[in-house]
Amino acid sequence: MQIAIALFDRFTALDAVGPYEVLGRVPGAETVFVAERPGPVRNDSGTLALVADATFAEVTRPDVVVVPGGPGQTPQMANETLLSWLRAVDATTTWTASVCTGSLLLAAAGLLKGRRATSHWLALNAIKRYDVEPTGERVVFDGKYVTAAGVSSGIDMALALAGRIAGDRAAQSIQLLTEYDPQPPYDAGSPHKAPADLVAEHRAHSRHPQP
């Protein structure tokens, strides 16, 4: 089972690494980082690079595709090389997934039309323009499409997907071995829980249109 994780300049690292760490432990999984060109691809801060071992042209029939988000997602919305690849491989994937604003790329490729999907909370309104029903849920399954909310939720998405692929016990084993037992020191991980002034501050600086 091949799992392809797409990379592009200025992606958010945990969007890609979280699902990689989880899905890469699924029995029989072969994970590959794929990009328009092979070689290192820098994250949104420019301080970390993941290596794309294959190009889009070389990965044509992955079983699972994962698309991360990040600030670099915006120019990718018009990157027909990436969007065409997503449409092409989606024709034969078992699962097509995204993390954070990666769902905007799936939407721009026309893959989420008429479906329910999630994204980073600051981007939920932006996804409407693609005839997608936004939801604030952390992980959303709609047919074979699996979307995760912001950044860290990619781990939850990958665990849920691992359960669908390999069964609950395998997913539980992955959770145990990665010791994924969140106990955050703050309860500000969603706009419904965080201080209202903090939410307003980030909305004011968001690049995405707000409701």
N, C-alpha and C. Protein backbone atom coordinates (compact mmCIF):
# COMPACT_ATOMS: atom_id res chain seq x y z
N MET A 1 0.84 -1.19 0.00
CA MET A 1 0.00 0.00 0.00
C MET A 1 0.88 1.25 0.00
N GLN A 2 0.77 2.04 -1.04
CA GLN A 2 1.59 3.24 -1.14
C GLN A 2 0.83 4.46 -0.61
N ILE A 3 1.49 5.19 0.26
CA ILE A 3 0.93 6.42 0.83
C ILE A 3 1.80 7.57 0.35
N ALA A 4 1.23 8.46 -0.45
CA ALA A 4 1.96 9.59 -1.01
C ALA A 4 1.61 10.86 -0.24
N ILE A 5 2.62 11.52 0.27
CA ILE A 5 2.43 12.78 0.99
C ILE A 5 3.00 13.89 0.12
N ALA A 6 2.14 14.78 -0.34
CA ALA A 6 2.55 15.84 -1.25
C ALA A 6 3.27 16.95 -0.49
N LEU A 7 4.28 17.50 -1.12
CA LEU A 7 5.02 18.62 -0.53
C LEU A 7 5.05 19.80 -1.51
N PHE A 8 5.10 20.99 -0.96
CA PHE A 8 5.26 22.21 -1.76
C PHE A 8 5.96 23.24 -0.89
N ASP A 9 6.55 24.21 -1.50
CA ASP A 9 7.32 25.21 -0.76
C ASP A 9 6.45 25.91 0.29
N ARG A 10 6.97 25.99 1.52
CA ARG A 10 6.33 26.66 2.65
C ARG A 10 5.10 25.89 3.15
N PHE A 11 5.19 24.56 3.14
CA PHE A 11 4.17 23.74 3.79
C PHE A 11 4.39 23.81 5.30
N THR A 12 3.38 23.42 6.08
CA THR A 12 3.53 23.36 7.53
C THR A 12 4.02 21.96 7.91
N ALA A 13 5.13 21.92 8.65
CA ALA A 13 5.82 20.65 8.88
C ALA A 13 4.94 19.58 9.53
N LEU A 14 4.23 19.93 10.60
CA LEU A 14 3.45 18.91 11.31
C LEU A 14 2.30 18.39 10.47
N ASP A 15 1.81 19.19 9.52
CA ASP A 15 0.76 18.73 8.61
C ASP A 15 1.19 17.49 7.86
N ALA A 16 2.48 17.44 7.52
CA ALA A 16 3.01 16.30 6.77
C ALA A 16 3.62 15.24 7.68
N VAL A 17 4.36 15.68 8.69
CA VAL A 17 5.09 14.74 9.55
C VAL A 17 4.16 13.97 10.47
N GLY A 18 3.10 14.62 10.97
CA GLY A 18 2.16 13.91 11.84
C GLY A 18 1.54 12.70 11.15
N PRO A 19 0.90 12.89 9.99
CA PRO A 19 0.36 11.73 9.26
C PRO A 19 1.44 10.74 8.84
N TYR A 20 2.61 11.23 8.48
CA TYR A 20 3.70 10.33 8.12
C TYR A 20 4.05 9.40 9.28
N GLU A 21 4.16 9.95 10.46
CA GLU A 21 4.55 9.16 11.63
C GLU A 21 3.52 8.10 11.95
N VAL A 22 2.25 8.43 11.76
CA VAL A 22 1.17 7.49 12.08
C VAL A 22 0.95 6.50 10.94
N LEU A 23 0.70 7.00 9.75
CA LEU A 23 0.36 6.12 8.62
C LEU A 23 1.54 5.26 8.19
N GLY A 24 2.75 5.76 8.42
CA GLY A 24 3.92 4.97 8.09
C GLY A 24 4.06 3.72 8.92
N ARG A 25 3.34 3.64 10.04
CA ARG A 25 3.37 2.48 10.92
C ARG A 25 2.26 1.46 10.60
N VAL A 26 1.40 1.79 9.66
CA VAL A 26 0.35 0.84 9.25
C VAL A 26 1.02 -0.36 8.58
N PRO A 27 0.67 -1.58 8.97
CA PRO A 27 1.29 -2.76 8.35
C PRO A 27 1.19 -2.73 6.82
N GLY A 28 2.32 -2.93 6.17
CA GLY A 28 2.34 -2.97 4.71
C GLY A 28 2.44 -1.62 4.04
N ALA A 29 2.56 -0.55 4.83
CA ALA A 29 2.59 0.79 4.25
C ALA A 29 3.96 1.13 3.69
N GLU A 30 3.95 1.77 2.55
CA GLU A 30 5.16 2.35 1.95
C GLU A 30 4.88 3.83 1.75
N THR A 31 5.56 4.68 2.52
CA THR A 31 5.30 6.12 2.42
C THR A 31 6.32 6.77 1.52
N VAL A 32 5.87 7.76 0.74
CA VAL A 32 6.75 8.49 -0.14
C VAL A 32 6.37 9.96 -0.12
N PHE A 33 7.37 10.81 0.04
CA PHE A 33 7.16 12.25 -0.10
C PHE A 33 7.33 12.60 -1.57
N VAL A 34 6.37 13.31 -2.11
CA VAL A 34 6.34 13.59 -3.54
C VAL A 34 6.15 15.08 -3.76
N ALA A 35 6.80 15.62 -4.78
CA ALA A 35 6.69 17.05 -5.09
C ALA A 35 6.87 17.26 -6.58
N GLU A 36 6.75 18.52 -6.99
CA GLU A 36 6.89 18.82 -8.42
C GLU A 36 8.29 18.47 -8.92
N ARG A 37 9.28 18.68 -8.04
CA ARG A 37 10.67 18.33 -8.36
C ARG A 37 11.25 17.56 -7.19
N PRO A 38 12.16 16.62 -7.44
CA PRO A 38 12.78 15.88 -6.34
C PRO A 38 13.74 16.76 -5.56
N GLY A 39 14.01 16.36 -4.32
CA GLY A 39 14.96 17.09 -3.50
C GLY A 39 14.31 17.73 -2.29
N PRO A 40 15.06 18.54 -1.55
CA PRO A 40 14.54 19.14 -0.32
C PRO A 40 13.45 20.18 -0.60
N VAL A 41 12.43 20.18 0.24
CA VAL A 41 11.34 21.15 0.17
C VAL A 41 11.25 21.82 1.53
N ARG A 42 11.32 23.14 1.56
CA ARG A 42 11.37 23.88 2.82
C ARG A 42 9.98 24.13 3.40
N ASN A 43 9.92 24.09 4.73
CA ASN A 43 8.65 24.36 5.42
C ASN A 43 8.39 25.86 5.50
N ASP A 44 7.29 26.23 6.18
CA ASP A 44 6.86 27.63 6.19
C ASP A 44 7.83 28.58 6.88
N SER A 45 8.66 28.09 7.79
CA SER A 45 9.64 28.96 8.43
C SER A 45 10.98 28.95 7.70
N GLY A 46 11.13 28.03 6.77
CA GLY A 46 12.36 27.92 6.03
C GLY A 46 13.49 27.23 6.78
N THR A 47 13.20 26.74 7.98
CA THR A 47 14.26 26.17 8.82
C THR A 47 14.30 24.65 8.80
N LEU A 48 13.33 24.04 8.13
CA LEU A 48 13.26 22.59 8.05
C LEU A 48 12.96 22.18 6.62
N ALA A 49 13.61 21.13 6.16
CA ALA A 49 13.33 20.62 4.82
C ALA A 49 13.03 19.13 4.90
N LEU A 50 12.02 18.70 4.16
CA LEU A 50 11.77 17.28 3.93
C LEU A 50 12.19 16.99 2.49
N VAL A 51 12.66 15.79 2.27
CA VAL A 51 13.17 15.43 0.94
C VAL A 51 12.10 14.70 0.15
N ALA A 52 11.76 15.25 -1.00
CA ALA A 52 10.86 14.57 -1.93
C ALA A 52 11.69 13.58 -2.74
N ASP A 53 11.43 12.31 -2.56
CA ASP A 53 12.17 11.28 -3.27
C ASP A 53 11.60 11.00 -4.65
N ALA A 54 10.41 11.51 -4.91
CA ALA A 54 9.77 11.24 -6.20
C ALA A 54 9.03 12.48 -6.68
N THR A 55 8.84 12.56 -7.98
CA THR A 55 8.07 13.65 -8.57
C THR A 55 6.62 13.21 -8.76
N PHE A 56 5.76 14.19 -9.00
CA PHE A 56 4.35 13.86 -9.26
C PHE A 56 4.25 12.91 -10.46
N ALA A 57 5.09 13.12 -11.45
CA ALA A 57 5.02 12.28 -12.65
C ALA A 57 5.40 10.84 -12.37
N GLU A 58 6.16 10.62 -11.29
CA GLU A 58 6.63 9.26 -10.98
C GLU A 58 5.68 8.50 -10.06
N VAL A 59 4.78 9.20 -9.40
CA VAL A 59 3.84 8.55 -8.48
C VAL A 59 2.45 8.70 -9.09
N THR A 60 1.97 7.63 -9.69
CA THR A 60 0.75 7.73 -10.50
C THR A 60 -0.45 6.98 -9.93
N ARG A 61 -0.21 6.00 -9.03
CA ARG A 61 -1.34 5.23 -8.51
C ARG A 61 -1.17 4.94 -7.01
N PRO A 62 -0.99 5.99 -6.19
CA PRO A 62 -0.91 5.74 -4.75
C PRO A 62 -2.25 5.29 -4.21
N ASP A 63 -2.22 4.49 -3.16
CA ASP A 63 -3.47 4.06 -2.53
C ASP A 63 -4.06 5.16 -1.65
N VAL A 64 -3.16 5.94 -1.03
CA VAL A 64 -3.58 7.03 -0.16
C VAL A 64 -2.78 8.28 -0.52
N VAL A 65 -3.45 9.41 -0.60
CA VAL A 65 -2.79 10.70 -0.81
C VAL A 65 -3.09 11.58 0.39
N VAL A 66 -2.05 12.24 0.91
CA VAL A 66 -2.22 13.20 2.00
C VAL A 66 -1.66 14.54 1.53
N VAL A 67 -2.48 15.59 1.64
CA VAL A 67 -2.07 16.93 1.22
C VAL A 67 -2.00 17.84 2.44
N PRO A 68 -0.82 18.32 2.80
CA PRO A 68 -0.71 19.24 3.92
C PRO A 68 -1.12 20.64 3.53
N GLY A 69 -1.19 21.51 4.52
CA GLY A 69 -1.46 22.92 4.25
C GLY A 69 -0.25 23.75 4.63
N GLY A 70 -0.49 25.03 4.83
CA GLY A 70 0.58 25.95 5.19
C GLY A 70 0.49 27.22 4.39
N PRO A 71 1.27 28.24 4.75
CA PRO A 71 1.23 29.51 4.03
C PRO A 71 1.52 29.36 2.54
N GLY A 72 2.33 28.37 2.19
CA GLY A 72 2.66 28.16 0.78
C GLY A 72 1.51 27.60 -0.04
N GLN A 73 0.42 27.25 0.63
CA GLN A 73 -0.73 26.69 -0.08
C GLN A 73 -1.35 27.71 -1.04
N THR A 74 -1.32 28.99 -0.68
CA THR A 74 -2.00 30.00 -1.48
C THR A 74 -1.53 30.04 -2.93
N PRO A 75 -0.22 30.16 -3.22
CA PRO A 75 0.18 30.14 -4.63
C PRO A 75 -0.06 28.80 -5.31
N GLN A 76 -0.15 27.73 -4.53
CA GLN A 76 -0.39 26.41 -5.12
C GLN A 76 -1.82 26.27 -5.66
N MET A 77 -2.70 27.18 -5.25
CA MET A 77 -4.08 27.11 -5.71
C MET A 77 -4.18 27.28 -7.23
N ALA A 78 -3.13 27.88 -7.82
CA ALA A 78 -3.11 28.08 -9.26
C ALA A 78 -2.04 27.22 -9.93
N ASN A 79 -1.48 26.27 -9.19
CA ASN A 79 -0.43 25.39 -9.73
C ASN A 79 -1.09 24.19 -10.41
N GLU A 80 -1.25 24.29 -11.70
CA GLU A 80 -1.99 23.25 -12.42
C GLU A 80 -1.24 21.92 -12.41
N THR A 81 0.08 21.96 -12.25
CA THR A 81 0.83 20.70 -12.16
C THR A 81 0.37 19.90 -10.95
N LEU A 82 0.28 20.57 -9.82
CA LEU A 82 -0.18 19.91 -8.59
C LEU A 82 -1.65 19.53 -8.68
N LEU A 83 -2.48 20.47 -9.13
CA LEU A 83 -3.92 20.22 -9.17
C LEU A 83 -4.26 19.09 -10.16
N SER A 84 -3.58 19.07 -11.29
CA SER A 84 -3.82 18.00 -12.26
C SER A 84 -3.40 16.65 -11.70
N TRP A 85 -2.28 16.64 -10.97
CA TRP A 85 -1.83 15.39 -10.35
C TRP A 85 -2.85 14.90 -9.34
N LEU A 86 -3.38 15.82 -8.52
CA LEU A 86 -4.38 15.42 -7.54
C LEU A 86 -5.60 14.81 -8.21
N ARG A 87 -6.06 15.44 -9.28
CA ARG A 87 -7.22 14.90 -9.99
C ARG A 87 -6.91 13.53 -10.60
N ALA A 88 -5.70 13.40 -11.14
CA ALA A 88 -5.34 12.14 -11.80
C ALA A 88 -5.24 10.98 -10.81
N VAL A 89 -4.52 11.20 -9.70
CA VAL A 89 -4.34 10.09 -8.76
C VAL A 89 -5.61 9.81 -7.97
N ASP A 90 -6.43 10.84 -7.79
CA ASP A 90 -7.68 10.64 -7.06
C ASP A 90 -8.60 9.64 -7.76
N ALA A 91 -8.43 9.50 -9.05
CA ALA A 91 -9.27 8.57 -9.81
C ALA A 91 -9.11 7.13 -9.32
N THR A 92 -7.95 6.82 -8.72
CA THR A 92 -7.72 5.43 -8.30
C THR A 92 -7.34 5.30 -6.82
N THR A 93 -7.30 6.39 -6.07
CA THR A 93 -6.98 6.26 -4.65
C THR A 93 -8.09 5.55 -3.89
N THR A 94 -7.68 4.91 -2.81
CA THR A 94 -8.67 4.38 -1.87
C THR A 94 -9.10 5.48 -0.91
N TRP A 95 -8.14 6.31 -0.53
CA TRP A 95 -8.40 7.44 0.36
C TRP A 95 -7.65 8.67 -0.14
N THR A 96 -8.33 9.80 -0.11
CA THR A 96 -7.71 11.09 -0.43
C THR A 96 -7.91 11.99 0.79
N ALA A 97 -6.80 12.45 1.36
CA ALA A 97 -6.86 13.14 2.64
C ALA A 97 -6.13 14.46 2.61
N SER A 98 -6.47 15.31 3.57
CA SER A 98 -5.78 16.60 3.70
C SER A 98 -5.70 16.98 5.16
N VAL A 99 -4.77 17.87 5.43
CA VAL A 99 -4.60 18.45 6.77
C VAL A 99 -4.61 19.97 6.63
N CYS A 100 -5.32 20.62 7.53
CA CYS A 100 -5.32 22.08 7.58
C CYS A 100 -5.80 22.65 6.24
N THR A 101 -5.12 23.67 5.70
CA THR A 101 -5.56 24.29 4.46
C THR A 101 -5.26 23.44 3.23
N GLY A 102 -4.72 22.25 3.44
CA GLY A 102 -4.60 21.31 2.33
C GLY A 102 -5.95 21.00 1.71
N SER A 103 -7.02 21.13 2.50
CA SER A 103 -8.35 20.89 1.95
C SER A 103 -8.72 21.92 0.89
N LEU A 104 -8.14 23.12 0.97
CA LEU A 104 -8.39 24.12 -0.07
C LEU A 104 -7.79 23.67 -1.40
N LEU A 105 -6.67 22.95 -1.34
CA LEU A 105 -6.08 22.43 -2.57
C LEU A 105 -6.94 21.32 -3.16
N LEU A 106 -7.47 20.44 -2.30
CA LEU A 106 -8.39 19.41 -2.80
C LEU A 106 -9.64 20.08 -3.40
N ALA A 107 -10.10 21.12 -2.75
CA ALA A 107 -11.29 21.83 -3.25
C ALA A 107 -10.99 22.52 -4.58
N ALA A 108 -9.82 23.15 -4.68
CA ALA A 108 -9.45 23.83 -5.92
C ALA A 108 -9.31 22.85 -7.07
N ALA A 109 -8.95 21.61 -6.75
CA ALA A 109 -8.86 20.57 -7.78
C ALA A 109 -10.24 20.03 -8.16
N GLY A 110 -11.27 20.48 -7.46
CA GLY A 110 -12.63 20.05 -7.77
C GLY A 110 -13.03 18.74 -7.12
N LEU A 111 -12.25 18.28 -6.14
CA LEU A 111 -12.50 16.96 -5.56
C LEU A 111 -13.50 16.97 -4.41
N LEU A 112 -13.76 18.13 -3.84
CA LEU A 112 -14.65 18.18 -2.66
C LEU A 112 -16.00 18.83 -2.97
N LYS A 113 -16.29 19.07 -4.22
CA LYS A 113 -17.53 19.74 -4.59
C LYS A 113 -18.74 18.98 -4.06
N GLY A 114 -19.59 19.71 -3.32
CA GLY A 114 -20.80 19.12 -2.77
C GLY A 114 -20.58 18.28 -1.53
N ARG A 115 -19.36 18.24 -1.03
CA ARG A 115 -19.04 17.41 0.13
C ARG A 115 -18.84 18.26 1.39
N ARG A 116 -18.87 17.57 2.53
CA ARG A 116 -18.53 18.19 3.80
C ARG A 116 -17.03 18.07 4.00
N ALA A 117 -16.43 19.12 4.52
CA ALA A 117 -14.99 19.09 4.76
C ALA A 117 -14.64 20.10 5.85
N THR A 118 -13.46 19.90 6.41
CA THR A 118 -12.96 20.83 7.41
C THR A 118 -11.62 21.39 6.96
N SER A 119 -11.12 22.34 7.72
CA SER A 119 -9.86 22.99 7.41
C SER A 119 -9.43 23.72 8.67
N HIS A 120 -8.35 24.48 8.59
CA HIS A 120 -8.00 25.35 9.71
C HIS A 120 -9.16 26.29 9.96
N TRP A 121 -9.43 26.60 11.22
CA TRP A 121 -10.61 27.41 11.53
C TRP A 121 -10.60 28.78 10.84
N LEU A 122 -9.40 29.30 10.55
CA LEU A 122 -9.34 30.59 9.86
C LEU A 122 -9.66 30.48 8.37
N ALA A 123 -9.69 29.25 7.85
CA ALA A 123 -9.91 29.06 6.41
C ALA A 123 -11.27 28.46 6.09
N LEU A 124 -12.09 28.22 7.10
CA LEU A 124 -13.37 27.54 6.86
C LEU A 124 -14.27 28.32 5.93
N ASN A 125 -14.26 29.64 6.03
CA ASN A 125 -15.12 30.42 5.16
C ASN A 125 -14.62 30.40 3.72
N ALA A 126 -13.29 30.33 3.55
CA ALA A 126 -12.71 30.35 2.21
C ALA A 126 -13.09 29.13 1.40
N ILE A 127 -13.32 28.01 2.08
CA ILE A 127 -13.59 26.77 1.35
C ILE A 127 -14.99 26.77 0.73
N LYS A 128 -15.86 27.67 1.20
CA LYS A 128 -17.23 27.73 0.67
C LYS A 128 -17.26 28.07 -0.81
N ARG A 129 -16.28 28.86 -1.26
CA ARG A 129 -16.30 29.32 -2.66
C ARG A 129 -16.18 28.17 -3.65
N TYR A 130 -15.78 27.00 -3.16
CA TYR A 130 -15.62 25.83 -4.02
C TYR A 130 -16.80 24.87 -3.90
N ASP A 131 -17.93 25.38 -3.43
CA ASP A 131 -19.14 24.58 -3.28
C ASP A 131 -18.89 23.40 -2.34
N VAL A 132 -18.19 23.70 -1.25
CA VAL A 132 -17.91 22.71 -0.20
C VAL A 132 -18.62 23.16 1.07
N GLU A 133 -19.21 22.22 1.78
CA GLU A 133 -19.88 22.55 3.03
C GLU A 133 -18.87 22.50 4.17
N PRO A 134 -18.51 23.67 4.74
CA PRO A 134 -17.50 23.67 5.80
C PRO A 134 -18.07 23.19 7.12
N THR A 135 -17.24 22.51 7.88
CA THR A 135 -17.64 22.09 9.22
C THR A 135 -16.46 22.29 10.15
N GLY A 136 -16.76 22.66 11.37
CA GLY A 136 -15.72 22.90 12.35
C GLY A 136 -15.24 21.64 13.05
N GLU A 137 -15.69 20.47 12.58
CA GLU A 137 -15.26 19.22 13.20
C GLU A 137 -13.76 19.01 13.00
N ARG A 138 -13.17 18.26 13.90
CA ARG A 138 -11.71 18.05 13.85
C ARG A 138 -11.30 17.11 12.71
N VAL A 139 -12.07 16.08 12.47
CA VAL A 139 -11.82 15.14 11.37
C VAL A 139 -13.14 14.85 10.69
N VAL A 140 -13.17 14.92 9.38
CA VAL A 140 -14.41 14.69 8.63
C VAL A 140 -14.18 13.62 7.56
N PHE A 141 -14.99 12.58 7.59
CA PHE A 141 -15.02 11.57 6.53
C PHE A 141 -16.24 11.84 5.66
N ASP A 142 -16.05 11.92 4.36
CA ASP A 142 -17.16 12.02 3.42
C ASP A 142 -16.79 11.16 2.22
N GLY A 143 -17.34 9.95 2.19
CA GLY A 143 -16.91 8.99 1.18
C GLY A 143 -15.45 8.63 1.43
N LYS A 144 -14.65 8.69 0.38
CA LYS A 144 -13.23 8.35 0.54
C LYS A 144 -12.38 9.57 0.88
N TYR A 145 -13.03 10.71 1.09
CA TYR A 145 -12.30 11.94 1.38
C TYR A 145 -12.26 12.18 2.88
N VAL A 146 -11.06 12.44 3.38
CA VAL A 146 -10.84 12.63 4.81
C VAL A 146 -10.11 13.95 4.99
N THR A 147 -10.74 14.89 5.68
CA THR A 147 -10.10 16.18 5.91
C THR A 147 -9.93 16.41 7.40
N ALA A 148 -8.82 17.05 7.74
CA ALA A 148 -8.52 17.35 9.13
C ALA A 148 -8.46 18.86 9.31
N ALA A 149 -8.78 19.32 10.49
CA ALA A 149 -8.71 20.75 10.81
C ALA A 149 -7.24 21.17 10.90
N GLY A 150 -6.93 22.14 11.70
CA GLY A 150 -5.58 22.70 11.70
C GLY A 150 -4.49 21.82 12.26
N VAL A 151 -3.38 21.77 11.56
CA VAL A 151 -2.06 21.28 11.96
C VAL A 151 -2.08 20.00 12.79
N SER A 152 -2.23 20.12 14.12
CA SER A 152 -2.13 18.95 15.01
C SER A 152 -3.23 17.93 14.76
N SER A 153 -4.35 18.37 14.19
CA SER A 153 -5.46 17.44 13.95
C SER A 153 -5.11 16.40 12.89
N GLY A 154 -4.02 16.62 12.16
CA GLY A 154 -3.58 15.62 11.20
C GLY A 154 -3.22 14.31 11.86
N ILE A 155 -2.78 14.36 13.11
CA ILE A 155 -2.47 13.13 13.84
C ILE A 155 -3.76 12.36 14.12
N ASP A 156 -4.80 13.07 14.54
CA ASP A 156 -6.09 12.43 14.79
C ASP A 156 -6.65 11.83 13.51
N MET A 157 -6.53 12.60 12.43
CA MET A 157 -7.02 12.12 11.14
C MET A 157 -6.30 10.84 10.74
N ALA A 158 -4.97 10.83 10.89
CA ALA A 158 -4.19 9.67 10.48
C ALA A 158 -4.53 8.45 11.33
N LEU A 159 -4.76 8.65 12.61
CA LEU A 159 -5.15 7.52 13.47
C LEU A 159 -6.52 6.98 13.06
N ALA A 160 -7.46 7.89 12.80
CA ALA A 160 -8.79 7.45 12.35
C ALA A 160 -8.69 6.70 11.04
N LEU A 161 -7.84 7.20 10.13
CA LEU A 161 -7.67 6.55 8.84
C LEU A 161 -6.97 5.21 8.99
N ALA A 162 -5.99 5.14 9.89
CA ALA A 162 -5.30 3.87 10.16
C ALA A 162 -6.29 2.81 10.63
N GLY A 163 -7.26 3.25 11.45
CA GLY A 163 -8.29 2.32 11.91
C GLY A 163 -9.15 1.80 10.78
N ARG A 164 -9.47 2.69 9.83
CA ARG A 164 -10.27 2.27 8.68
C ARG A 164 -9.49 1.30 7.79
N ILE A 165 -8.19 1.52 7.66
CA ILE A 165 -7.35 0.71 6.77
C ILE A 165 -7.00 -0.63 7.40
N ALA A 166 -6.55 -0.59 8.66
CA ALA A 166 -5.97 -1.79 9.27
C ALA A 166 -6.73 -2.31 10.48
N GLY A 167 -7.79 -1.63 10.88
CA GLY A 167 -8.57 -2.08 12.03
C GLY A 167 -8.22 -1.34 13.30
N ASP A 168 -9.14 -1.40 14.26
CA ASP A 168 -9.00 -0.65 15.50
C ASP A 168 -7.75 -1.06 16.28
N ARG A 169 -7.49 -2.35 16.33
CA ARG A 169 -6.36 -2.80 17.14
C ARG A 169 -5.02 -2.28 16.60
N ALA A 170 -4.88 -2.27 15.29
CA ALA A 170 -3.66 -1.74 14.69
C ALA A 170 -3.52 -0.25 14.99
N ALA A 171 -4.63 0.48 14.88
CA ALA A 171 -4.58 1.91 15.16
C ALA A 171 -4.28 2.17 16.64
N GLN A 172 -4.85 1.36 17.51
CA GLN A 172 -4.57 1.50 18.93
C GLN A 172 -3.10 1.20 19.23
N SER A 173 -2.54 0.23 18.54
CA SER A 173 -1.12 -0.09 18.71
C SER A 173 -0.24 1.09 18.29
N ILE A 174 -0.61 1.72 17.18
CA ILE A 174 0.13 2.89 16.72
C ILE A 174 0.04 4.02 17.75
N GLN A 175 -1.17 4.24 18.26
CA GLN A 175 -1.35 5.28 19.27
C GLN A 175 -0.51 4.99 20.51
N LEU A 176 -0.48 3.73 20.91
CA LEU A 176 0.28 3.35 22.10
C LEU A 176 1.78 3.52 21.88
N LEU A 177 2.27 3.03 20.74
CA LEU A 177 3.70 3.07 20.48
C LEU A 177 4.22 4.49 20.24
N THR A 178 3.36 5.36 19.73
CA THR A 178 3.75 6.76 19.59
C THR A 178 3.44 7.56 20.86
N GLU A 179 2.83 6.88 21.84
CA GLU A 179 2.43 7.48 23.11
C GLU A 179 1.66 8.78 22.89
N TYR A 180 0.70 8.68 21.98
CA TYR A 180 -0.13 9.85 21.68
C TYR A 180 -1.24 9.94 22.71
N ASP A 181 -1.01 10.71 23.74
CA ASP A 181 -1.92 10.84 24.88
C ASP A 181 -1.97 12.32 25.26
N PRO A 182 -2.61 13.14 24.44
CA PRO A 182 -2.55 14.60 24.63
C PRO A 182 -3.05 15.06 26.00
N GLN A 183 -2.24 15.87 26.63
CA GLN A 183 -2.60 16.49 27.90
C GLN A 183 -2.07 17.91 27.89
N PRO A 184 -2.63 18.76 27.04
CA PRO A 184 -2.08 20.12 26.87
C PRO A 184 -2.20 20.96 28.14
N PRO A 185 -1.23 21.84 28.37
CA PRO A 185 -1.26 22.68 29.56
C PRO A 185 -2.30 23.79 29.49
N TYR A 186 -2.82 24.05 28.28
CA TYR A 186 -3.84 25.09 28.09
C TYR A 186 -5.04 24.50 27.36
N ASP A 187 -6.19 25.13 27.54
CA ASP A 187 -7.40 24.69 26.84
C ASP A 187 -7.81 25.78 25.87
N ALA A 188 -6.91 26.05 24.92
CA ALA A 188 -7.14 27.13 23.95
C ALA A 188 -6.92 26.64 22.53
N GLY A 189 -7.21 25.38 22.31
CA GLY A 189 -6.89 24.77 21.03
C GLY A 189 -7.94 24.92 19.94
N SER A 190 -9.03 25.61 20.22
CA SER A 190 -10.04 25.87 19.19
C SER A 190 -10.61 27.26 19.44
N PRO A 191 -11.19 27.89 18.41
CA PRO A 191 -11.73 29.24 18.60
C PRO A 191 -12.90 29.29 19.57
N HIS A 192 -13.49 28.13 19.86
CA HIS A 192 -14.60 28.09 20.81
C HIS A 192 -14.11 28.06 22.25
N LYS A 193 -12.84 27.73 22.45
CA LYS A 193 -12.29 27.61 23.78
C LYS A 193 -11.29 28.72 24.13
N ALA A 194 -10.62 29.25 23.13
CA ALA A 194 -9.58 30.24 23.37
C ALA A 194 -10.19 31.58 23.80
N PRO A 195 -9.41 32.43 24.47
CA PRO A 195 -9.91 33.76 24.83
C PRO A 195 -10.40 34.52 23.60
N ALA A 196 -11.54 35.17 23.72
CA ALA A 196 -12.17 35.83 22.57
C ALA A 196 -11.27 36.88 21.94
N ASP A 197 -10.51 37.60 22.74
CA ASP A 197 -9.65 38.64 22.17
C ASP A 197 -8.51 38.02 21.36
N LEU A 198 -8.06 36.84 21.75
CA LEU A 198 -7.01 36.15 21.02
C LEU A 198 -7.54 35.68 19.67
N VAL A 199 -8.75 35.14 19.67
CA VAL A 199 -9.38 34.70 18.43
C VAL A 199 -9.55 35.90 17.49
N ALA A 200 -10.05 37.02 18.02
CA ALA A 200 -10.26 38.21 17.21
C ALA A 200 -8.96 38.73 16.62
N GLU A 201 -7.90 38.66 17.41
CA GLU A 201 -6.59 39.13 16.94
C GLU A 201 -6.12 38.32 15.73
N HIS A 202 -6.28 37.01 15.79
CA HIS A 202 -5.82 36.17 14.69
C HIS A 202 -6.75 36.29 13.48
N ARG A 203 -8.04 36.47 13.72
CA ARG A 203 -8.95 36.69 12.60
C ARG A 203 -8.58 37.96 11.85
N ALA A 204 -8.20 38.99 12.59
CA ALA A 204 -7.87 40.28 11.98
C ALA A 204 -6.64 40.20 11.08
N HIS A 205 -5.74 39.25 11.38
CA HIS A 205 -4.52 39.12 10.62
C HIS A 205 -4.55 37.97 9.61
N SER A 206 -5.70 37.30 9.50
CA SER A 206 -5.79 36.16 8.60
C SER A 206 -5.81 36.60 7.14
N ARG A 207 -5.21 35.76 6.28
CA ARG A 207 -5.23 36.00 4.84
C ARG A 207 -6.54 35.52 4.22
N HIS A 208 -7.30 34.73 4.96
CA HIS A 208 -8.51 34.14 4.41
C HIS A 208 -9.72 34.99 4.76
N PRO A 209 -10.70 35.11 3.87
CA PRO A 209 -11.92 35.88 4.18
C PRO A 209 -12.66 35.28 5.35
N GLN A 210 -13.16 36.13 6.20
CA GLN A 210 -13.82 35.67 7.42
C GLN A 210 -15.32 35.87 7.34
N PRO A 211 -16.09 35.06 8.11
CA PRO A 211 -17.54 35.22 8.11
C PRO A 211 -17.93 36.51 8.81
